[in-house]
Amino acid sequence: MTQDTPKGDRIAKVLSRSGVASRREAERMIEAGRVSVNGRTITSPALNVAETDRIVVDGKPIGPPDPPRLWLYHKPAGLVTSAADDQGRDTVFDALPGDLPRVMSVGRLDINSEGLLLLTNDGGVKRKLELPSTGWLRRYRVRIKGSVSEAKLDELRAGITVEGVTYQPMTVTFDRQQGANAWLTISIREGKNREIRRAMEAVGAQVNRLIRVSYGPFQLGNLAQGAVEEVKRKVLRDQLGLPAEEEAPRARRPVNRPRKPGAGPAPKPQRRR
């Protein structure tokens, strides 16, 4: 006779939904002995927990999961997209406003890249936005040293393999020559590590500035460098197909009560103009 799987969700998933860390980071925290459930330290993420279980991380109990939220962040160049850096470099999370809850980045931008970086408090949203099957277009403004021929750009449009890594066809537009540099607009769907830089190097072009201007339906627009702006929750729900949050009860309509004898006829309702 097989034993039923305990009810509830995996502990790492619960920690991720509560904004503590991504699921992978939560698993590392568990293995490091930083998490306890009902007063007992756990070291394996192979545990299901229920809403009634008391979960503590680094001595502090976690709160109930917040509704999924998403922020647009205009990342400046010079920041590492990681929670900590072993070389001591400044990170994106060091630069974020102090009133922001704990957030995770959706994908990465390398230290020399800038532009739109999505941030979320929900591990499920993070995974959904990062999945290759989502297929959302990521659009970049790219400045290269010198110029590049249309024949070389056609190689990128057809898909290119660099050092054993195959990159899907890119949408590439040559925008303008500006002195010693040229500006391109490049759109990709996968977002592999340093994809645009490596692909451009393979066709003999060196990228000296890379700005992400959109990620799927989310646009950088006029967001100032270093600024953060939250996406409206309705927009987030509509774009990701998330269930609607529980709404506050509607105000009750007034009840037409019987009038007291002698009070005269009831006044006619006024029509709004």
C-alpha atoms as a PDB file:
ATOM      1  CA  MET A   1       0.000   0.000   0.000  1.00  0.00           C
ATOM      2  CA  THR A   2       1.490   3.322  -1.062  1.00  0.00           C
ATOM      3  CA  GLN A   3       1.528   6.280   1.290  1.00  0.00           C
ATOM      4  CA  ASP A   4      -0.221   9.434   0.097  1.00  0.00           C
ATOM      5  CA  THR A   5       1.877  12.549  -0.419  1.00  0.00           C
ATOM      6  CA  PRO A   6       1.411  14.928   2.519  1.00  0.00           C
ATOM      7  CA  LYS A   7      -0.950  17.779   1.741  1.00  0.00           C
ATOM      8  CA  GLY A   8       0.354  21.287   1.229  1.00  0.00           C
ATOM      9  CA  ASP A   9       3.125  22.793  -0.904  1.00  0.00           C
ATOM     10  CA  ARG A  10       6.851  22.246  -0.989  1.00  0.00           C
ATOM     11  CA  ILE A  11       8.643  24.394   1.548  1.00  0.00           C
ATOM     12  CA  ALA A  12      10.798  26.119  -1.093  1.00  0.00           C
ATOM     13  CA  LYS A  13       7.687  27.076  -3.072  1.00  0.00           C
ATOM     14  CA  VAL A  14       6.078  28.551   0.055  1.00  0.00           C
ATOM     15  CA  LEU A  15       9.211  30.564   0.832  1.00  0.00           C
ATOM     16  CA  SER A  16       9.317  31.805  -2.751  1.00  0.00           C
ATOM     17  CA  ARG A  17       5.652  32.881  -2.727  1.00  0.00           C
ATOM     18  CA  SER A  18       6.254  34.738   0.531  1.00  0.00           C
ATOM     19  CA  GLY A  19       8.985  36.805  -1.108  1.00  0.00           C
ATOM     20  CA  VAL A  20      11.804  35.333   0.982  1.00  0.00           C
ATOM     21  CA  ALA A  21      13.874  34.182  -2.000  1.00  0.00           C
ATOM     22  CA  SER A  22      13.605  32.426  -5.331  1.00  0.00           C
ATOM     23  CA  ARG A  23      12.837  28.722  -5.118  1.00  0.00           C
ATOM     24  CA  ARG A  24      16.439  27.753  -5.880  1.00  0.00           C
ATOM     25  CA  GLU A  25      17.814  30.227  -3.335  1.00  0.00           C
ATOM     26  CA  ALA A  26      15.285  28.963  -0.778  1.00  0.00           C
ATOM     27  CA  GLU A  27      16.546  25.417  -1.277  1.00  0.00           C
ATOM     28  CA  ARG A  28      20.098  26.589  -0.571  1.00  0.00           C
ATOM     29  CA  MET A  29      18.912  28.379   2.570  1.00  0.00           C
ATOM     30  CA  ILE A  30      17.242  25.179   3.743  1.00  0.00           C
ATOM     31  CA  GLU A  31      20.358  23.105   3.100  1.00  0.00           C
ATOM     32  CA  ALA A  32      22.358  25.667   5.099  1.00  0.00           C
ATOM     33  CA  GLY A  33      20.084  25.118   8.118  1.00  0.00           C
ATOM     34  CA  ARG A  34      18.562  28.598   8.072  1.00  0.00           C
ATOM     35  CA  VAL A  35      14.938  27.416   8.020  1.00  0.00           C
ATOM     36  CA  SER A  36      12.850  25.777  10.725  1.00  0.00           C
ATOM     37  CA  VAL A  37       9.316  24.388  10.655  1.00  0.00           C
ATOM     38  CA  ASN A  38       7.337  24.157  13.896  1.00  0.00           C
ATOM     39  CA  GLY A  39      10.514  24.677  15.923  1.00  0.00           C
ATOM     40  CA  ARG A  40      12.587  22.055  14.105  1.00  0.00           C
ATOM     41  CA  THR A  41      15.468  23.008  11.804  1.00  0.00           C
ATOM     42  CA  ILE A  42      15.209  21.349   8.406  1.00  0.00           C
ATOM     43  CA  THR A  43      18.030  20.663   5.944  1.00  0.00           C
ATOM     44  CA  SER A  44      16.117  19.093   3.055  1.00  0.00           C
ATOM     45  CA  PRO A  45      13.650  20.879   0.732  1.00  0.00           C
ATOM     46  CA  ALA A  46      11.751  17.598   0.291  1.00  0.00           C
ATOM     47  CA  LEU A  47       9.049  18.680   2.725  1.00  0.00           C
ATOM     48  CA  ASN A  48       5.448  19.730   2.234  1.00  0.00           C
ATOM     49  CA  VAL A  49       4.033  22.332   4.595  1.00  0.00           C
ATOM     50  CA  ALA A  50       0.499  23.506   5.306  1.00  0.00           C
ATOM     51  CA  GLU A  51      -0.868  26.941   6.174  1.00  0.00           C
ATOM     52  CA  THR A  52      -0.964  25.965   9.846  1.00  0.00           C
ATOM     53  CA  ASP A  53       2.785  25.229   9.998  1.00  0.00           C
ATOM     54  CA  ARG A  54       5.035  27.861  11.595  1.00  0.00           C
ATOM     55  CA  ILE A  55       7.977  28.620   9.308  1.00  0.00           C
ATOM     56  CA  VAL A  56      10.950  30.642  10.542  1.00  0.00           C
ATOM     57  CA  VAL A  57      13.858  31.920   8.412  1.00  0.00           C
ATOM     58  CA  ASP A  58      16.975  33.284  10.114  1.00  0.00           C
ATOM     59  CA  GLY A  59      15.044  33.538  13.372  1.00  0.00           C
ATOM     60  CA  LYS A  60      12.107  35.481  11.893  1.00  0.00           C
ATOM     61  CA  PRO A  61       8.706  33.950  11.089  1.00  0.00           C
ATOM     62  CA  ILE A  62       7.573  34.464   7.516  1.00  0.00           C
ATOM     63  CA  GLY A  63       4.315  36.249   6.853  1.00  0.00           C
ATOM     64  CA  PRO A  64       1.427  35.177   4.649  1.00  0.00           C
ATOM     65  CA  PRO A  65       2.151  35.288   0.906  1.00  0.00           C
ATOM     66  CA  ASP A  66       1.644  38.683  -0.689  1.00  0.00           C
ATOM     67  CA  PRO A  67      -0.306  38.904  -3.934  1.00  0.00           C
ATOM     68  CA  PRO A  68       1.987  38.716  -6.984  1.00  0.00           C
ATOM     69  CA  ARG A  69       3.520  42.077  -7.874  1.00  0.00           C
ATOM     70  CA  LEU A  70       5.818  43.277 -10.635  1.00  0.00           C
ATOM     71  CA  TRP A  71       8.056  46.338 -10.947  1.00  0.00           C
ATOM     72  CA  LEU A  72       9.896  47.960 -13.849  1.00  0.00           C
ATOM     73  CA  TYR A  73      13.440  49.027 -12.971  1.00  0.00           C
ATOM     74  CA  HIS A  74      15.759  51.095 -15.161  1.00  0.00           C
ATOM     75  CA  LYS A  75      19.066  49.404 -14.427  1.00  0.00           C
ATOM     76  CA  PRO A  76      22.164  51.569 -14.863  1.00  0.00           C
ATOM     77  CA  ALA A  77      25.374  50.102 -16.237  1.00  0.00           C
ATOM     78  CA  GLY A  78      27.901  49.053 -13.592  1.00  0.00           C
ATOM     79  CA  LEU A  79      25.574  46.989 -11.373  1.00  0.00           C
ATOM     80  CA  VAL A  80      25.587  43.206 -11.043  1.00  0.00           C
ATOM     81  CA  THR A  81      22.200  41.475 -11.243  1.00  0.00           C
ATOM     82  CA  SER A  82      22.635  39.177  -8.251  1.00  0.00           C
ATOM     83  CA  ALA A  83      21.808  39.232  -4.548  1.00  0.00           C
ATOM     84  CA  ALA A  84      25.515  39.206  -3.642  1.00  0.00           C
ATOM     85  CA  ASP A  85      28.771  39.385  -5.573  1.00  0.00           C
ATOM     86  CA  ASP A  86      31.894  37.444  -4.610  1.00  0.00           C
ATOM     87  CA  GLN A  87      34.032  40.213  -6.113  1.00  0.00           C
ATOM     88  CA  GLY A  88      32.436  42.879  -3.940  1.00  0.00           C
ATOM     89  CA  ARG A  89      30.886  44.783  -6.833  1.00  0.00           C
ATOM     90  CA  ASP A  90      27.726  46.848  -6.355  1.00  0.00           C
ATOM     91  CA  THR A  91      24.521  44.944  -7.100  1.00  0.00           C
ATOM     92  CA  VAL A  92      21.109  45.921  -8.404  1.00  0.00           C
ATOM     93  CA  PHE A  93      19.617  45.086  -5.009  1.00  0.00           C
ATOM     94  CA  ASP A  94      22.000  47.470  -3.222  1.00  0.00           C
ATOM     95  CA  ALA A  95      20.639  50.303  -5.362  1.00  0.00           C
ATOM     96  CA  LEU A  96      16.904  49.650  -4.998  1.00  0.00           C
ATOM     97  CA  PRO A  97      14.716  51.940  -2.838  1.00  0.00           C
ATOM     98  CA  GLY A  98      14.508  50.871   0.795  1.00  0.00           C
ATOM     99  CA  ASP A  99      10.699  50.769   0.824  1.00  0.00           C
ATOM    100  CA  LEU A 100      10.583  47.978  -1.760  1.00  0.00           C
ATOM    101  CA  PRO A 101       9.729  44.500  -0.397  1.00  0.00           C
ATOM    102  CA  ARG A 102      12.105  41.628  -1.010  1.00  0.00           C
ATOM    103  CA  VAL A 103      12.168  41.095  -4.761  1.00  0.00           C
ATOM    104  CA  MET A 104      13.792  38.834  -7.341  1.00  0.00           C
ATOM    105  CA  SER A 105      14.951  39.759 -10.810  1.00  0.00           C
ATOM    106  CA  VAL A 106      13.328  38.238 -13.875  1.00  0.00           C
ATOM    107  CA  GLY A 107      16.367  37.074 -15.799  1.00  0.00           C
ATOM    108  CA  ARG A 108      19.505  39.201 -15.766  1.00  0.00           C
ATOM    109  CA  LEU A 109      21.278  42.057 -17.424  1.00  0.00           C
ATOM    110  CA  ASP A 110      25.075  41.806 -17.364  1.00  0.00           C
ATOM    111  CA  ILE A 111      27.118  44.417 -15.526  1.00  0.00           C
ATOM    112  CA  ASN A 112      27.743  46.536 -18.638  1.00  0.00           C
ATOM    113  CA  SER A 113      24.144  46.401 -19.885  1.00  0.00           C
ATOM    114  CA  GLU A 114      21.385  48.804 -18.899  1.00  0.00           C
ATOM    115  CA  GLY A 115      17.695  49.375 -19.364  1.00  0.00           C
ATOM    116  CA  LEU A 116      14.573  47.468 -18.380  1.00  0.00           C
ATOM    117  CA  LEU A 117      14.891  44.860 -15.634  1.00  0.00           C
ATOM    118  CA  LEU A 118      11.716  43.280 -14.261  1.00  0.00           C
ATOM    119  CA  LEU A 119      11.467  42.640 -10.514  1.00  0.00           C
ATOM    120  CA  THR A 120       8.872  40.521  -8.729  1.00  0.00           C
ATOM    121  CA  ASN A 121       8.034  39.357  -5.223  1.00  0.00           C
ATOM    122  CA  ASP A 122       6.653  36.045  -6.487  1.00  0.00           C
ATOM    123  CA  GLY A 123       8.696  33.030  -7.552  1.00  0.00           C
ATOM    124  CA  GLY A 124       5.885  31.690  -9.720  1.00  0.00           C
ATOM    125  CA  VAL A 125       5.719  34.938 -11.692  1.00  0.00           C
ATOM    126  CA  LYS A 126       9.506  34.903 -12.071  1.00  0.00           C
ATOM    127  CA  ARG A 127       9.504  31.388 -13.531  1.00  0.00           C
ATOM    128  CA  LYS A 128       6.577  32.121 -15.828  1.00  0.00           C
ATOM    129  CA  LEU A 129       8.241  35.218 -17.256  1.00  0.00           C
ATOM    130  CA  GLU A 130      11.565  33.429 -17.746  1.00  0.00           C
ATOM    131  CA  LEU A 131      10.233  30.282 -19.440  1.00  0.00           C
ATOM    132  CA  PRO A 132      11.403  29.991 -23.071  1.00  0.00           C
ATOM    133  CA  SER A 133       7.925  28.685 -23.925  1.00  0.00           C
ATOM    134  CA  THR A 134       6.505  32.113 -23.028  1.00  0.00           C
ATOM    135  CA  GLY A 135       8.346  33.392 -26.087  1.00  0.00           C
ATOM    136  CA  TRP A 136       8.081  37.059 -25.193  1.00  0.00           C
ATOM    137  CA  LEU A 137      10.150  39.366 -27.344  1.00  0.00           C
ATOM    138  CA  ARG A 138      12.972  41.252 -25.611  1.00  0.00           C
ATOM    139  CA  ARG A 139      13.956  44.360 -27.544  1.00  0.00           C
ATOM    140  CA  TYR A 140      17.315  46.151 -27.276  1.00  0.00           C
ATOM    141  CA  ARG A 141      18.930  49.314 -28.571  1.00  0.00           C
ATOM    142  CA  VAL A 142      22.470  48.307 -29.476  1.00  0.00           C
ATOM    143  CA  ARG A 143      25.431  50.565 -30.247  1.00  0.00           C
ATOM    144  CA  ILE A 144      28.400  49.021 -32.020  1.00  0.00           C
ATOM    145  CA  LYS A 145      31.853  50.299 -32.859  1.00  0.00           C
ATOM    146  CA  GLY A 146      32.186  51.006 -36.568  1.00  0.00           C
ATOM    147  CA  SER A 147      29.541  49.491 -38.795  1.00  0.00           C
ATOM    148  CA  VAL A 148      28.306  46.138 -40.068  1.00  0.00           C
ATOM    149  CA  SER A 149      27.017  45.013 -43.448  1.00  0.00           C
ATOM    150  CA  GLU A 150      23.496  43.821 -44.167  1.00  0.00           C
ATOM    151  CA  ALA A 151      24.986  40.485 -45.258  1.00  0.00           C
ATOM    152  CA  LYS A 152      26.411  40.015 -41.760  1.00  0.00           C
ATOM    153  CA  LEU A 153      23.115  41.044 -40.163  1.00  0.00           C
ATOM    154  CA  ASP A 154      21.367  38.469 -42.338  1.00  0.00           C
ATOM    155  CA  GLU A 155      23.430  35.810 -40.548  1.00  0.00           C
ATOM    156  CA  LEU A 156      21.859  36.898 -37.274  1.00  0.00           C
ATOM    157  CA  ARG A 157      18.403  36.992 -38.857  1.00  0.00           C
ATOM    158  CA  ALA A 158      18.827  33.396 -39.983  1.00  0.00           C
ATOM    159  CA  GLY A 159      20.110  32.149 -36.623  1.00  0.00           C
ATOM    160  CA  ILE A 160      23.748  31.656 -35.718  1.00  0.00           C
ATOM    161  CA  THR A 161      25.878  29.161 -33.789  1.00  0.00           C
ATOM    162  CA  VAL A 162      28.783  30.537 -31.741  1.00  0.00           C
ATOM    163  CA  GLU A 163      31.226  28.182 -29.994  1.00  0.00           C
ATOM    164  CA  GLY A 164      28.677  25.390 -29.984  1.00  0.00           C
ATOM    165  CA  VAL A 165      25.800  27.566 -28.736  1.00  0.00           C
ATOM    166  CA  THR A 166      22.925  28.024 -31.187  1.00  0.00           C
ATOM    167  CA  TYR A 167      21.005  31.295 -31.084  1.00  0.00           C
ATOM    168  CA  GLN A 168      17.541  31.577 -32.576  1.00  0.00           C
ATOM    169  CA  PRO A 169      16.915  33.992 -35.467  1.00  0.00           C
ATOM    170  CA  MET A 170      17.004  37.616 -34.325  1.00  0.00           C
ATOM    171  CA  THR A 171      15.031  40.558 -35.609  1.00  0.00           C
ATOM    172  CA  VAL A 172      17.681  43.143 -36.555  1.00  0.00           C
ATOM    173  CA  THR A 173      17.221  46.679 -37.876  1.00  0.00           C
ATOM    174  CA  PHE A 174      20.087  49.022 -38.783  1.00  0.00           C
ATOM    175  CA  ASP A 175      18.939  52.386 -37.450  1.00  0.00           C
ATOM    176  CA  ARG A 176      21.682  54.917 -38.142  1.00  0.00           C
ATOM    177  CA  GLN A 177      25.399  55.632 -38.294  1.00  0.00           C
ATOM    178  CA  GLN A 178      26.530  58.097 -35.637  1.00  0.00           C
ATOM    179  CA  GLY A 179      30.138  59.092 -36.114  1.00  0.00           C
ATOM    180  CA  ALA A 180      32.378  56.140 -35.303  1.00  0.00           C
ATOM    181  CA  ASN A 181      29.433  54.110 -34.019  1.00  0.00           C
ATOM    182  CA  ALA A 182      26.236  52.605 -35.413  1.00  0.00           C
ATOM    183  CA  TRP A 183      22.887  52.026 -33.686  1.00  0.00           C
ATOM    184  CA  LEU A 184      20.811  48.880 -34.207  1.00  0.00           C
ATOM    185  CA  THR A 185      17.538  47.591 -32.802  1.00  0.00           C
ATOM    186  CA  ILE A 186      17.690  43.866 -32.010  1.00  0.00           C
ATOM    187  CA  SER A 187      14.866  41.669 -30.724  1.00  0.00           C
ATOM    188  CA  ILE A 188      15.322  38.166 -29.309  1.00  0.00           C
ATOM    189  CA  ARG A 189      13.083  35.594 -27.636  1.00  0.00           C
ATOM    190  CA  GLU A 190      15.442  33.387 -25.635  1.00  0.00           C
ATOM    191  CA  GLY A 191      17.784  35.730 -23.791  1.00  0.00           C
ATOM    192  CA  LYS A 192      20.733  33.371 -23.355  1.00  0.00           C
ATOM    193  CA  ASN A 193      23.772  34.586 -21.425  1.00  0.00           C
ATOM    194  CA  ARG A 194      25.382  37.551 -23.259  1.00  0.00           C
ATOM    195  CA  GLU A 195      23.513  36.453 -26.392  1.00  0.00           C
ATOM    196  CA  ILE A 196      23.597  39.720 -28.343  1.00  0.00           C
ATOM    197  CA  ARG A 197      27.205  40.557 -27.469  1.00  0.00           C
ATOM    198  CA  ARG A 198      28.461  37.113 -28.504  1.00  0.00           C
ATOM    199  CA  ALA A 199      26.401  37.015 -31.687  1.00  0.00           C
ATOM    200  CA  MET A 200      27.610  40.471 -32.724  1.00  0.00           C
ATOM    201  CA  GLU A 201      31.222  39.511 -32.038  1.00  0.00           C
ATOM    202  CA  ALA A 202      30.733  36.475 -34.279  1.00  0.00           C
ATOM    203  CA  VAL A 203      29.885  38.757 -37.230  1.00  0.00           C
ATOM    204  CA  GLY A 204      32.795  41.085 -36.484  1.00  0.00           C
ATOM    205  CA  ALA A 205      30.997  43.838 -34.537  1.00  0.00           C
ATOM    206  CA  GLN A 206      31.853  44.997 -31.027  1.00  0.00           C
ATOM    207  CA  VAL A 207      28.982  46.161 -28.794  1.00  0.00           C
ATOM    208  CA  ASN A 208      29.852  49.202 -26.676  1.00  0.00           C
ATOM    209  CA  ARG A 209      26.374  49.965 -25.349  1.00  0.00           C
ATOM    210  CA  LEU A 210      23.352  47.720 -24.792  1.00  0.00           C
ATOM    211  CA  ILE A 211      19.986  49.012 -23.555  1.00  0.00           C
ATOM    212  CA  ARG A 212      16.949  46.768 -23.079  1.00  0.00           C
ATOM    213  CA  VAL A 213      13.852  48.794 -23.940  1.00  0.00           C
ATOM    214  CA  SER A 214      11.119  46.165 -23.581  1.00  0.00           C
ATOM    215  CA  TYR A 215      10.375  42.709 -22.214  1.00  0.00           C
ATOM    216  CA  GLY A 216       7.220  41.311 -23.747  1.00  0.00           C
ATOM    217  CA  PRO A 217       4.432  43.858 -23.196  1.00  0.00           C
ATOM    218  CA  PHE A 218       6.397  45.761 -20.537  1.00  0.00           C
ATOM    219  CA  GLN A 219       8.157  48.903 -21.789  1.00  0.00           C
ATOM    220  CA  LEU A 220      11.017  51.005 -20.404  1.00  0.00           C
ATOM    221  CA  GLY A 221       9.408  54.148 -21.824  1.00  0.00           C
ATOM    222  CA  ASN A 222      10.543  57.345 -20.099  1.00  0.00           C
ATOM    223  CA  LEU A 223      11.442  55.678 -16.801  1.00  0.00           C
ATOM    224  CA  ALA A 224      14.473  57.535 -15.429  1.00  0.00           C
ATOM    225  CA  GLN A 225      17.713  55.651 -14.875  1.00  0.00           C
ATOM    226  CA  GLY A 226      17.697  54.072 -11.419  1.00  0.00           C
ATOM    227  CA  ALA A 227      13.934  54.568 -11.001  1.00  0.00           C
ATOM    228  CA  VAL A 228      11.390  51.882 -10.117  1.00  0.00           C
ATOM    229  CA  GLU A 229       7.726  51.785 -11.166  1.00  0.00           C
ATOM    230  CA  GLU A 230       5.160  49.165 -10.186  1.00  0.00           C
ATOM    231  CA  VAL A 231       3.006  47.558 -12.871  1.00  0.00           C
ATOM    232  CA  LYS A 232      -0.679  47.873 -12.088  1.00  0.00           C
ATOM    233  CA  ARG A 233      -1.959  44.608 -10.682  1.00  0.00           C
ATOM    234  CA  LYS A 234      -4.799  44.386 -13.179  1.00  0.00           C
ATOM    235  CA  VAL A 235      -2.300  44.707 -16.032  1.00  0.00           C
ATOM    236  CA  LEU A 236      -0.149  41.992 -14.461  1.00  0.00           C
ATOM    237  CA  ARG A 237      -3.125  39.679 -14.024  1.00  0.00           C
ATOM    238  CA  ASP A 238      -4.293  40.257 -17.596  1.00  0.00           C
ATOM    239  CA  GLN A 239      -0.855  39.698 -19.129  1.00  0.00           C
ATOM    240  CA  LEU A 240      -0.043  36.550 -17.145  1.00  0.00           C
ATOM    241  CA  GLY A 241      -3.531  35.103 -16.847  1.00  0.00           C
ATOM    242  CA  LEU A 242      -3.408  35.209 -13.047  1.00  0.00           C
ATOM    243  CA  PRO A 243      -6.607  34.740 -11.031  1.00  0.00           C
ATOM    244  CA  ALA A 244      -8.273  37.938  -9.862  1.00  0.00           C
ATOM    245  CA  GLU A 245      -7.601  38.939  -6.275  1.00  0.00           C
ATOM    246  CA  GLU A 246     -10.456  38.758  -3.845  1.00  0.00           C
ATOM    247  CA  GLU A 247     -12.358  41.999  -4.116  1.00  0.00           C
ATOM    248  CA  ALA A 248     -13.839  43.993  -1.286  1.00  0.00           C
ATOM    249  CA  PRO A 249     -17.598  43.445  -0.867  1.00  0.00           C
ATOM    250  CA  ARG A 250     -19.716  45.843  -2.855  1.00  0.00           C
ATOM    251  CA  ALA A 251     -21.646  48.531  -1.084  1.00  0.00           C
ATOM    252  CA  ARG A 252     -25.193  47.444  -0.359  1.00  0.00           C
ATOM    253  CA  ARG A 253     -27.940  49.172  -2.268  1.00  0.00           C
ATOM    254  CA  PRO A 254     -30.411  51.175  -0.189  1.00  0.00           C
ATOM    255  CA  VAL A 255     -33.568  49.301   0.675  1.00  0.00           C
ATOM    256  CA  ASN A 256     -36.945  50.886  -0.140  1.00  0.00           C
ATOM    257  CA  ARG A 257     -38.626  50.701   3.244  1.00  0.00           C
ATOM    258  CA  PRO A 258     -42.407  51.204   3.709  1.00  0.00           C
ATOM    259  CA  ARG A 259     -43.255  54.828   4.462  1.00  0.00           C
ATOM    260  CA  LYS A 260     -45.017  55.783   7.653  1.00  0.00           C
ATOM    261  CA  PRO A 261     -48.714  56.675   7.383  1.00  0.00           C
ATOM    262  CA  GLY A 262     -49.243  60.384   6.640  1.00  0.00           C
ATOM    263  CA  ALA A 263     -45.744  60.922   5.349  1.00  0.00           C
ATOM    264  CA  GLY A 264     -47.066  61.715   1.863  1.00  0.00           C
ATOM    265  CA  PRO A 265     -46.025  60.227  -1.454  1.00  0.00           C
ATOM    266  CA  ALA A 266     -42.471  59.039  -1.902  1.00  0.00           C
ATOM    267  CA  PRO A 267     -40.242  61.492  -3.829  1.00  0.00           C
ATOM    268  CA  LYS A 268     -39.456  60.561  -7.400  1.00  0.00           C
ATOM    269  CA  PRO A 269     -35.848  59.526  -8.009  1.00  0.00           C
ATOM    270  CA  GLN A 270     -33.749  62.263  -9.636  1.00  0.00           C
ATOM    271  CA  ARG A 271     -32.348  61.355 -13.014  1.00  0.00           C
ATOM    272  CA  ARG A 272     -28.600  61.943 -13.323  1.00  0.00           C
ATOM    273  CA  ARG A 273     -27.584  64.260 -16.060  1.00  0.00           C
END
